[in-house]
Amino acid sequence: MVATQQKVYFSYSHREGKKFKVFLEENFKDLITNKTVSDDELNPKRGADYREILVNEEYIDENTLLIVLVGKSTRCKKHVDWEIYTALKNNCYVIGVILPEIKMPNGRLVYGDIPARLADNVKSGYSKLYTWNYFINYFEEILDTAYQNKIDLKDNINNKRSIWLTT
């Protein structure tokens, strides 16, 4: 069981993932402290400044769990890549949650549907992917596992991919 609230940063396409983030905030507020920047707080178009602010302002630090809410366009969002990059650079654990809009043929995920840096870390064994329904039903257990995986699997972090610099 999670003894203290887990610091969580949600990374997502704002058009597709916001309602899911709000659901998690409202339903699991006793288990998490949300460190996600608000829509009007930071501008991802600031590039390297955005990444530095994420770290310097302690949105993402070594005690943060990054939860990537994967919708249809999440893989195309450079701010999502920057957030995953920053989290991995700071030895954060990263979880991917496949939102219901993502179709999984034969119950299998197509890696091309998720952000490439997340896919790299799922393949390396560092990160885990969950379907939305599984995630919300086992949320507390997943938080516990994430905390332990961060310690046990840190040698599997794959952050070698070039950071996405273009729009």
Foldseek 3Di string as FASTA:
>chain_A
DQPQAAEEEEQEDCVPCVVVVVVCCVPVVRRHDYLYADPPRDDCVVPPVVLVCCPVVVSAALRYEYEYEFDQCSQVDLVSLSVLLSNLVRLHQYEYEYEPNQDAVVNHDDLVRHHPQQSQLVVLVLYYYYYPVVCVVCVVVVVVVRVVSSVVVSVSRDNPDDRDRDD
